[in-house]
Amino acid sequence: MEALSVFVIANLTIHDSVPYRVYEKGFFPLLKKYGGEFITYDDNPITLEGISPRSGRIILFKFPSEENAKNWYHDPDYQSLINNRLLGTTLEFLTIIHGIETRK
């Protein structure tokens, strides 16, 4: 059985762009290392129903499997990089969403 793709959604507020830029610069090579793909981000998401996110930026990226996503998150280089994100942002959540199996 082939692994299903997963998506990762983050919701955060940037309050200090200097450490956040350091985080961003290191983020993309680590994302690629685990087969991740950056999809998009939005600083002004529109909530049609329910409670709006408390912070402004929503980020969406994709991995080929849950295992890849977890390996990315637990990578020692990523764990070290997180300190920059913590210094520059307030994170509301970082969540894995499982993809839907498609049959051909």
N, C-alpha and C. Protein backbone atom coordinates (compact mmCIF):
# COMPACT_ATOMS: atom_id res chain seq x y z
N MET A 1 0.84 -1.18 0.00
CA MET A 1 0.00 0.00 0.00
C MET A 1 0.89 1.25 0.00
N GLU A 2 0.62 2.13 -0.91
CA GLU A 2 1.39 3.36 -1.03
C GLU A 2 1.00 4.35 0.07
N ALA A 3 2.00 5.05 0.59
CA ALA A 3 1.74 6.05 1.64
C ALA A 3 0.93 7.20 1.06
N LEU A 4 0.04 7.73 1.88
CA LEU A 4 -0.76 8.87 1.47
C LEU A 4 -0.02 10.16 1.78
N SER A 5 -0.17 11.12 0.89
CA SER A 5 0.39 12.45 1.15
C SER A 5 -0.28 13.06 2.36
N VAL A 6 0.46 13.92 3.05
CA VAL A 6 -0.10 14.68 4.15
C VAL A 6 0.19 16.16 3.91
N PHE A 7 -0.65 16.97 4.49
CA PHE A 7 -0.48 18.42 4.43
C PHE A 7 -0.19 18.90 5.84
N VAL A 8 0.60 19.94 5.95
CA VAL A 8 0.88 20.55 7.24
C VAL A 8 0.37 21.98 7.18
N ILE A 9 -0.41 22.34 8.17
CA ILE A 9 -0.97 23.69 8.26
C ILE A 9 -0.42 24.34 9.52
N ALA A 10 0.09 25.55 9.36
CA ALA A 10 0.59 26.31 10.49
C ALA A 10 -0.18 27.62 10.57
N ASN A 11 -0.39 28.09 11.78
CA ASN A 11 -1.05 29.37 12.02
C ASN A 11 -0.19 30.12 13.02
N LEU A 12 0.34 31.26 12.61
CA LEU A 12 1.23 32.01 13.49
C LEU A 12 1.14 33.51 13.25
N THR A 13 1.64 34.25 14.23
CA THR A 13 1.76 35.70 14.12
C THR A 13 3.24 36.04 14.21
N ILE A 14 3.72 36.82 13.27
CA ILE A 14 5.11 37.25 13.27
C ILE A 14 5.20 38.56 14.04
N HIS A 15 6.01 38.58 15.09
CA HIS A 15 6.18 39.81 15.86
C HIS A 15 7.61 40.33 15.82
N ASP A 16 8.55 39.52 15.30
CA ASP A 16 9.94 39.96 15.11
C ASP A 16 10.46 39.30 13.84
N SER A 17 10.55 40.08 12.77
CA SER A 17 10.90 39.51 11.47
C SER A 17 12.36 39.06 11.37
N VAL A 18 13.26 39.57 12.20
CA VAL A 18 14.67 39.19 12.09
C VAL A 18 14.88 37.71 12.39
N PRO A 19 14.49 37.19 13.56
CA PRO A 19 14.67 35.75 13.77
C PRO A 19 13.77 34.91 12.86
N TYR A 20 12.61 35.44 12.51
CA TYR A 20 11.73 34.68 11.62
C TYR A 20 12.36 34.50 10.24
N ARG A 21 13.07 35.51 9.75
CA ARG A 21 13.75 35.39 8.44
C ARG A 21 14.85 34.33 8.51
N VAL A 22 15.54 34.23 9.64
CA VAL A 22 16.55 33.18 9.83
C VAL A 22 15.86 31.81 9.75
N TYR A 23 14.70 31.71 10.41
CA TYR A 23 13.91 30.48 10.38
C TYR A 23 13.51 30.13 8.94
N GLU A 24 12.97 31.11 8.23
CA GLU A 24 12.54 30.87 6.85
C GLU A 24 13.69 30.40 5.97
N LYS A 25 14.84 31.03 6.11
CA LYS A 25 16.00 30.69 5.29
C LYS A 25 16.42 29.24 5.49
N GLY A 26 16.37 28.75 6.72
CA GLY A 26 16.73 27.37 7.00
C GLY A 26 15.60 26.37 6.76
N PHE A 27 14.37 26.87 6.75
CA PHE A 27 13.18 26.02 6.61
C PHE A 27 13.13 25.31 5.27
N PHE A 28 13.34 26.05 4.19
CA PHE A 28 13.12 25.49 2.86
C PHE A 28 14.06 24.35 2.50
N PRO A 29 15.37 24.43 2.81
CA PRO A 29 16.23 23.26 2.53
C PRO A 29 15.81 22.02 3.32
N LEU A 30 15.36 22.20 4.56
CA LEU A 30 14.92 21.05 5.36
C LEU A 30 13.60 20.49 4.84
N LEU A 31 12.73 21.35 4.38
CA LEU A 31 11.47 20.90 3.77
C LEU A 31 11.78 20.01 2.57
N LYS A 32 12.68 20.47 1.72
CA LYS A 32 13.05 19.73 0.51
C LYS A 32 13.73 18.40 0.86
N LYS A 33 14.55 18.39 1.91
CA LYS A 33 15.26 17.18 2.33
C LYS A 33 14.30 16.02 2.57
N TYR A 34 13.08 16.32 3.03
CA TYR A 34 12.09 15.29 3.34
C TYR A 34 10.98 15.19 2.28
N GLY A 35 11.25 15.72 1.11
CA GLY A 35 10.29 15.62 0.01
C GLY A 35 9.13 16.57 0.15
N GLY A 36 9.27 17.55 1.03
CA GLY A 36 8.19 18.50 1.26
C GLY A 36 8.06 19.51 0.12
N GLU A 37 6.87 20.02 0.00
CA GLU A 37 6.55 21.01 -1.03
C GLU A 37 5.79 22.16 -0.39
N PHE A 38 6.31 23.37 -0.56
CA PHE A 38 5.62 24.55 -0.06
C PHE A 38 4.45 24.82 -0.99
N ILE A 39 3.25 24.98 -0.44
CA ILE A 39 2.06 25.24 -1.25
C ILE A 39 1.76 26.74 -1.29
N THR A 40 1.52 27.33 -0.13
CA THR A 40 1.18 28.76 -0.08
C THR A 40 1.18 29.27 1.35
N TYR A 41 1.07 30.56 1.46
CA TYR A 41 0.80 31.19 2.76
C TYR A 41 -0.13 32.36 2.51
N ASP A 42 -0.81 32.79 3.55
CA ASP A 42 -1.73 33.92 3.43
C ASP A 42 -1.72 34.69 4.74
N ASP A 43 -1.44 35.98 4.65
CA ASP A 43 -1.46 36.83 5.83
C ASP A 43 -2.85 37.41 6.11
N ASN A 44 -3.78 37.18 5.20
CA ASN A 44 -5.13 37.71 5.36
C ASN A 44 -6.17 36.65 5.00
N PRO A 45 -6.18 35.50 5.72
CA PRO A 45 -7.17 34.47 5.39
C PRO A 45 -8.58 34.97 5.67
N ILE A 46 -9.51 34.44 4.92
CA ILE A 46 -10.92 34.83 5.06
C ILE A 46 -11.67 33.65 5.67
N THR A 47 -12.27 33.86 6.82
CA THR A 47 -13.06 32.82 7.48
C THR A 47 -14.52 33.00 7.09
N LEU A 48 -15.08 31.99 6.46
CA LEU A 48 -16.47 32.06 6.03
C LEU A 48 -17.44 31.65 7.14
N GLU A 49 -17.02 30.77 8.01
CA GLU A 49 -17.84 30.33 9.13
C GLU A 49 -16.94 30.01 10.31
N GLY A 50 -17.47 30.04 11.49
CA GLY A 50 -16.72 29.66 12.67
C GLY A 50 -15.82 30.78 13.17
N ILE A 51 -14.92 30.40 14.07
CA ILE A 51 -14.03 31.35 14.71
C ILE A 51 -12.80 31.54 13.84
N SER A 52 -12.44 32.77 13.56
CA SER A 52 -11.25 33.08 12.77
C SER A 52 -10.00 32.70 13.53
N PRO A 53 -8.94 32.33 12.80
CA PRO A 53 -7.66 32.11 13.49
C PRO A 53 -7.28 33.35 14.28
N ARG A 54 -6.67 33.16 15.44
CA ARG A 54 -6.30 34.29 16.28
C ARG A 54 -5.08 35.02 15.75
N SER A 55 -4.31 34.37 14.91
CA SER A 55 -3.14 35.03 14.36
C SER A 55 -3.27 35.11 12.85
N GLY A 56 -2.40 35.93 12.25
CA GLY A 56 -2.60 36.30 10.87
C GLY A 56 -2.14 35.37 9.78
N ARG A 57 -1.02 34.68 9.94
CA ARG A 57 -0.47 33.92 8.81
C ARG A 57 -0.87 32.46 8.89
N ILE A 58 -1.41 31.97 7.77
CA ILE A 58 -1.69 30.55 7.59
C ILE A 58 -0.70 30.06 6.54
N ILE A 59 -0.01 28.95 6.84
CA ILE A 59 0.98 28.39 5.93
C ILE A 59 0.57 26.95 5.62
N LEU A 60 0.69 26.56 4.35
CA LEU A 60 0.32 25.22 3.92
C LEU A 60 1.46 24.61 3.13
N PHE A 61 1.88 23.41 3.54
CA PHE A 61 2.86 22.67 2.77
C PHE A 61 2.51 21.19 2.80
N LYS A 62 3.21 20.41 1.98
CA LYS A 62 2.82 19.02 1.73
C LYS A 62 4.04 18.11 1.82
N PHE A 63 3.83 16.89 2.32
CA PHE A 63 4.86 15.85 2.34
C PHE A 63 4.30 14.60 1.67
N PRO A 64 5.18 13.76 1.13
CA PRO A 64 4.70 12.54 0.47
C PRO A 64 4.12 11.51 1.43
N SER A 65 4.41 11.65 2.74
CA SER A 65 3.87 10.69 3.71
C SER A 65 3.91 11.31 5.10
N GLU A 66 3.15 10.71 6.01
CA GLU A 66 3.18 11.13 7.41
C GLU A 66 4.58 10.91 7.99
N GLU A 67 5.20 9.81 7.62
CA GLU A 67 6.55 9.51 8.11
C GLU A 67 7.53 10.62 7.71
N ASN A 68 7.46 11.08 6.46
CA ASN A 68 8.33 12.17 6.02
C ASN A 68 8.08 13.44 6.83
N ALA A 69 6.81 13.74 7.08
CA ALA A 69 6.46 14.95 7.85
C ALA A 69 7.01 14.86 9.26
N LYS A 70 6.86 13.71 9.90
CA LYS A 70 7.35 13.55 11.26
C LYS A 70 8.87 13.56 11.31
N ASN A 71 9.50 12.94 10.31
CA ASN A 71 10.97 12.96 10.25
C ASN A 71 11.49 14.38 10.06
N TRP A 72 10.80 15.17 9.24
CA TRP A 72 11.16 16.58 9.05
C TRP A 72 11.07 17.31 10.39
N TYR A 73 9.95 17.15 11.08
CA TYR A 73 9.74 17.87 12.33
C TYR A 73 10.77 17.47 13.39
N HIS A 74 11.12 16.20 13.45
CA HIS A 74 12.04 15.70 14.48
C HIS A 74 13.52 15.78 14.08
N ASP A 75 13.79 16.23 12.86
CA ASP A 75 15.17 16.39 12.41
C ASP A 75 15.90 17.33 13.38
N PRO A 76 17.07 16.95 13.87
CA PRO A 76 17.80 17.81 14.81
C PRO A 76 18.07 19.22 14.27
N ASP A 77 18.33 19.33 12.98
CA ASP A 77 18.55 20.66 12.39
C ASP A 77 17.27 21.49 12.42
N TYR A 78 16.12 20.85 12.19
CA TYR A 78 14.86 21.59 12.27
C TYR A 78 14.57 21.98 13.72
N GLN A 79 14.80 21.06 14.65
CA GLN A 79 14.55 21.36 16.05
C GLN A 79 15.40 22.54 16.52
N SER A 80 16.62 22.62 16.02
CA SER A 80 17.49 23.75 16.35
C SER A 80 16.95 25.04 15.73
N LEU A 81 16.44 24.94 14.52
CA LEU A 81 15.91 26.09 13.79
C LEU A 81 14.65 26.66 14.45
N ILE A 82 13.88 25.80 15.10
CA ILE A 82 12.64 26.22 15.75
C ILE A 82 12.86 27.37 16.72
N ASN A 83 14.02 27.42 17.35
CA ASN A 83 14.30 28.51 18.30
C ASN A 83 14.10 29.88 17.65
N ASN A 84 14.47 30.01 16.39
CA ASN A 84 14.28 31.28 15.68
C ASN A 84 12.80 31.57 15.47
N ARG A 85 12.03 30.52 15.17
CA ARG A 85 10.59 30.73 15.02
C ARG A 85 9.98 31.14 16.35
N LEU A 86 10.40 30.51 17.43
CA LEU A 86 9.87 30.85 18.75
C LEU A 86 10.20 32.29 19.14
N LEU A 87 11.38 32.76 18.78
CA LEU A 87 11.77 34.13 19.09
C LEU A 87 10.99 35.16 18.27
N GLY A 88 10.62 34.79 17.05
CA GLY A 88 10.00 35.76 16.15
C GLY A 88 8.50 35.65 15.97
N THR A 89 7.89 34.60 16.50
CA THR A 89 6.46 34.40 16.26
C THR A 89 5.75 33.87 17.49
N THR A 90 4.43 33.93 17.42
CA THR A 90 3.58 33.19 18.34
C THR A 90 2.85 32.17 17.48
N LEU A 91 3.08 30.90 17.77
CA LEU A 91 2.47 29.81 16.99
C LEU A 91 1.17 29.39 17.65
N GLU A 92 0.10 29.38 16.88
CA GLU A 92 -1.19 28.87 17.37
C GLU A 92 -1.25 27.36 17.20
N PHE A 93 -0.86 26.88 16.01
CA PHE A 93 -0.83 25.44 15.79
C PHE A 93 0.02 25.08 14.59
N LEU A 94 0.50 23.83 14.61
CA LEU A 94 1.22 23.20 13.50
C LEU A 94 0.61 21.81 13.42
N THR A 95 -0.18 21.56 12.39
CA THR A 95 -1.05 20.39 12.34
C THR A 95 -0.85 19.59 11.06
N ILE A 96 -0.80 18.25 11.18
CA ILE A 96 -0.77 17.36 10.03
C ILE A 96 -2.20 17.00 9.65
N ILE A 97 -2.51 17.15 8.37
CA ILE A 97 -3.81 16.75 7.81
C ILE A 97 -3.54 15.64 6.79
N HIS A 98 -4.20 14.52 6.96
CA HIS A 98 -3.99 13.39 6.04
C HIS A 98 -4.74 13.59 4.73
N GLY A 99 -4.07 13.22 3.64
CA GLY A 99 -4.69 13.30 2.32
C GLY A 99 -5.71 12.18 2.13
N ILE A 100 -6.46 12.30 1.08
CA ILE A 100 -7.47 11.31 0.75
C ILE A 100 -6.90 10.39 -0.34
N GLU A 101 -7.08 9.09 -0.14
CA GLU A 101 -6.62 8.12 -1.13
C GLU A 101 -7.43 8.29 -2.41
N THR A 102 -6.73 8.33 -3.53
CA THR A 102 -7.41 8.40 -4.82
C THR A 102 -7.09 7.13 -5.60
N ARG A 103 -8.08 6.61 -6.27
CA ARG A 103 -7.90 5.40 -7.09
C ARG A 103 -7.89 5.81 -8.55
N LYS A 104 -6.97 5.18 -9.27
CA LYS A 104 -6.87 5.49 -10.71
C LYS A 104 -7.52 4.42 -11.52
